[in-house]
Amino acid sequence: MSTALSTTQPRGLALQTISEAMTFGKMLAESSFVPKDFRGKPADCVLAVQHGAELGLGPMQSVQSIAVVNGRPSIYGDAAIALAKGSPVCEYISERIEGDGDQMAAVCEAKRRGDPQPTVSTFSVADAKKAGLWGKSGPWQQYPRRMLQMRARGFALRDAFPDVLRGLVTAEE
């Protein structure tokens, strides 16, 4: 496995062969640097690195930012906004929470350079209830505002920047 920095990738190792990739994948899968879903799964690690490379992510960023949900690769919301903001087609992204209690809603406004209007997505408590998410154990109970934000963000970014996200949904969806 080459330890030279790549001149064609923005960062990280330059894995040139499938053998090098699998060696790296095995090392990742045996480490505590990857999420538990990747531990003991070198092939999944390699595929996450490859999928991330197609988005412009480095190897370590890829295994931290790519998740497999129901057999489909997805990207965490914080990586999605980083990719969108890092793209030259992004003019701005603005997020806010409006209202309180059952009237609370997250709003994400994403403006693509050259488009006349921004893409605006809202995800409300009513939307979360309709989807069976509101009050669900886990992050929906612990961080309800953040989860509303991630839903609004995911929809807005996928609509405004499908080319940047390459059709990936956000893991929070």
Protein backbone atom coordinates (compact mmCIF):
# COMPACT_ATOMS: atom_id res chain seq x y z
CA MET A 1 0.00 0.00 0.00
CA SER A 2 1.37 3.37 -0.99
CA THR A 3 1.75 5.89 1.80
CA ALA A 4 2.40 8.76 -0.60
CA LEU A 5 -0.12 11.54 -0.65
CA SER A 6 -2.21 11.51 -3.77
CA THR A 7 -1.88 14.28 -6.31
CA THR A 8 -5.26 13.47 -7.87
CA GLN A 9 -7.37 13.28 -4.69
CA PRO A 10 -7.87 16.24 -2.41
CA ARG A 11 -6.47 14.33 0.60
CA GLY A 12 -5.55 10.96 1.94
CA LEU A 13 -3.81 7.87 0.69
CA ALA A 14 -3.50 7.09 -3.00
CA LEU A 15 -4.85 3.54 -3.16
CA GLN A 16 -3.91 2.32 -6.62
CA THR A 17 -4.96 -1.33 -6.65
CA ILE A 18 -7.77 -3.44 -5.26
CA SER A 19 -5.17 -5.22 -3.12
CA GLU A 20 -4.09 -1.92 -1.57
CA ALA A 21 -7.71 -0.93 -1.04
CA MET A 22 -8.53 -4.24 0.67
CA THR A 23 -5.45 -3.99 2.89
CA PHE A 24 -6.57 -0.51 3.91
CA GLY A 25 -10.16 -1.72 4.34
CA LYS A 26 -8.98 -4.52 6.63
CA MET A 27 -6.97 -2.05 8.70
CA LEU A 28 -10.01 0.25 8.99
CA ALA A 29 -12.36 -2.62 9.87
CA GLU A 30 -10.05 -3.72 12.68
CA SER A 31 -9.71 -0.22 14.11
CA SER A 32 -11.83 1.82 16.48
CA PHE A 33 -11.69 4.75 14.02
CA VAL A 34 -14.76 3.60 12.13
CA PRO A 35 -18.41 3.50 13.19
CA LYS A 36 -19.52 0.18 14.67
CA ASP A 37 -21.43 -0.73 11.51
CA PHE A 38 -18.10 -0.86 9.61
CA ARG A 39 -16.13 -2.83 12.23
CA GLY A 40 -15.17 -6.28 11.02
CA LYS A 41 -16.39 -5.46 7.48
CA PRO A 42 -13.39 -4.56 5.31
CA ALA A 43 -15.39 -4.69 2.06
CA ASP A 44 -17.91 -2.21 3.46
CA CYS A 45 -15.05 0.08 4.48
CA VAL A 46 -13.56 -0.04 0.98
CA LEU A 47 -16.93 0.64 -0.63
CA ALA A 48 -17.55 3.59 1.71
CA VAL A 49 -14.12 5.00 0.82
CA GLN A 50 -14.89 4.58 -2.88
CA HIS A 51 -18.35 6.12 -2.55
CA GLY A 52 -16.89 9.04 -0.63
CA ALA A 53 -14.16 9.52 -3.24
CA GLU A 54 -16.87 9.91 -5.87
CA LEU A 55 -18.23 12.79 -3.76
CA GLY A 56 -14.79 14.33 -3.21
CA LEU A 57 -14.28 13.05 0.34
CA GLY A 58 -11.00 11.66 1.64
CA PRO A 59 -10.82 8.07 2.94
CA MET A 60 -11.25 8.81 6.64
CA GLN A 61 -13.91 11.44 6.01
CA SER A 62 -15.74 8.85 3.91
CA VAL A 63 -16.00 6.19 6.61
CA GLN A 64 -17.19 8.83 9.06
CA SER A 65 -19.68 10.44 6.66
CA ILE A 66 -21.17 7.52 4.70
CA ALA A 67 -23.78 5.28 6.33
CA VAL A 68 -25.68 2.32 4.97
CA VAL A 69 -29.39 2.54 5.69
CA ASN A 70 -31.55 -0.36 4.51
CA GLY A 71 -28.85 -1.43 2.06
CA ARG A 72 -28.48 2.03 0.51
CA PRO A 73 -25.52 4.34 1.00
CA SER A 74 -26.43 7.68 2.50
CA ILE A 75 -24.55 10.67 3.83
CA TYR A 76 -24.80 12.31 7.23
CA GLY A 77 -26.36 15.78 7.19
CA ASP A 78 -23.21 17.55 8.39
CA ALA A 79 -21.23 16.10 5.49
CA ALA A 80 -24.01 16.98 3.04
CA ILE A 81 -23.94 20.63 4.04
CA ALA A 82 -20.12 20.65 3.94
CA LEU A 83 -20.14 19.29 0.38
CA ALA A 84 -22.84 21.73 -0.73
CA LYS A 85 -21.15 24.76 0.86
CA GLY A 86 -17.82 23.68 -0.61
CA SER A 87 -19.24 23.58 -4.10
CA PRO A 88 -18.86 26.57 -6.42
CA VAL A 89 -22.55 26.26 -7.34
CA CYS A 90 -23.63 27.10 -3.77
CA GLU A 91 -24.44 30.74 -3.16
CA TYR A 92 -25.69 30.24 0.41
CA ILE A 93 -27.45 27.89 2.83
CA SER A 94 -29.47 29.28 5.71
CA GLU A 95 -31.17 27.29 8.50
CA ARG A 96 -33.52 28.31 11.26
CA ILE A 97 -36.09 26.99 13.72
CA GLU A 98 -39.45 28.74 13.81
CA GLY A 99 -42.15 28.45 16.48
CA ASP A 100 -42.31 26.43 19.68
CA GLY A 101 -43.94 23.26 20.92
CA ASP A 102 -46.29 21.66 18.42
CA GLN A 103 -45.88 24.69 16.14
CA MET A 104 -42.12 24.23 15.82
CA ALA A 105 -40.65 23.80 12.34
CA ALA A 106 -37.16 23.72 10.87
CA VAL A 107 -36.54 25.67 7.69
CA CYS A 108 -33.60 25.26 5.34
CA GLU A 109 -33.06 27.68 2.47
CA ALA A 110 -30.46 26.72 -0.12
CA LYS A 111 -29.56 29.06 -2.97
CA ARG A 112 -27.87 27.66 -6.02
CA ARG A 113 -25.80 30.15 -8.00
CA GLY A 114 -27.69 31.11 -11.14
CA ASP A 115 -31.10 29.95 -9.93
CA PRO A 116 -33.62 32.78 -9.61
CA GLN A 117 -35.04 31.59 -6.27
CA PRO A 118 -33.67 29.59 -3.35
CA THR A 119 -34.95 26.12 -2.59
CA VAL A 120 -36.83 26.23 0.72
CA SER A 121 -37.74 23.11 2.71
CA THR A 122 -39.64 22.99 5.97
CA PHE A 123 -40.05 20.06 8.32
CA SER A 124 -42.45 20.56 11.21
CA VAL A 125 -43.54 18.73 14.33
CA ALA A 126 -46.74 17.92 12.41
CA ASP A 127 -44.62 16.37 9.63
CA ALA A 128 -42.65 14.35 12.19
CA LYS A 129 -45.87 13.12 13.81
CA LYS A 130 -47.34 12.16 10.44
CA ALA A 131 -44.15 10.20 9.65
CA GLY A 132 -44.28 8.44 13.04
CA LEU A 133 -41.01 10.04 14.17
CA TRP A 134 -42.07 12.48 16.88
CA GLY A 135 -41.36 11.00 20.30
CA LYS A 136 -39.62 7.95 18.78
CA SER A 137 -36.89 6.63 21.08
CA GLY A 138 -33.36 7.75 20.31
CA PRO A 139 -32.40 11.07 18.77
CA TRP A 140 -36.01 12.14 18.17
CA GLN A 141 -36.52 12.20 21.95
CA GLN A 142 -33.05 13.45 22.83
CA TYR A 143 -32.57 16.12 20.12
CA PRO A 144 -35.93 16.88 18.50
CA ARG A 145 -34.90 20.32 17.18
CA ARG A 146 -31.77 18.89 15.59
CA MET A 147 -33.72 16.08 13.96
CA LEU A 148 -36.24 18.54 12.49
CA GLN A 149 -33.27 20.57 11.22
CA MET A 150 -31.66 17.51 9.61
CA ARG A 151 -34.89 16.58 7.81
CA ALA A 152 -35.40 20.09 6.41
CA ARG A 153 -31.70 20.24 5.47
CA GLY A 154 -31.72 16.89 3.71
CA PHE A 155 -34.73 17.76 1.57
CA ALA A 156 -33.44 21.23 0.64
CA LEU A 157 -29.92 20.10 -0.20
CA ARG A 158 -31.07 17.13 -2.28
CA ASP A 159 -33.41 19.39 -4.24
CA ALA A 160 -30.94 22.28 -4.70
CA PHE A 161 -27.72 20.30 -5.18
CA PRO A 162 -28.51 16.82 -6.59
CA ASP A 163 -25.33 16.89 -8.68
CA VAL A 164 -23.15 17.66 -5.65
CA LEU A 165 -24.73 14.93 -3.49
CA ARG A 166 -24.90 12.47 -6.41
CA GLY A 167 -28.41 11.39 -5.46
CA LEU A 168 -27.56 10.33 -1.91
CA VAL A 169 -30.17 10.80 0.77
CA THR A 170 -29.16 11.97 4.20
CA ALA A 171 -28.79 9.29 6.85
CA GLU A 172 -31.10 11.23 9.17
CA GLU A 173 -33.91 10.75 6.65
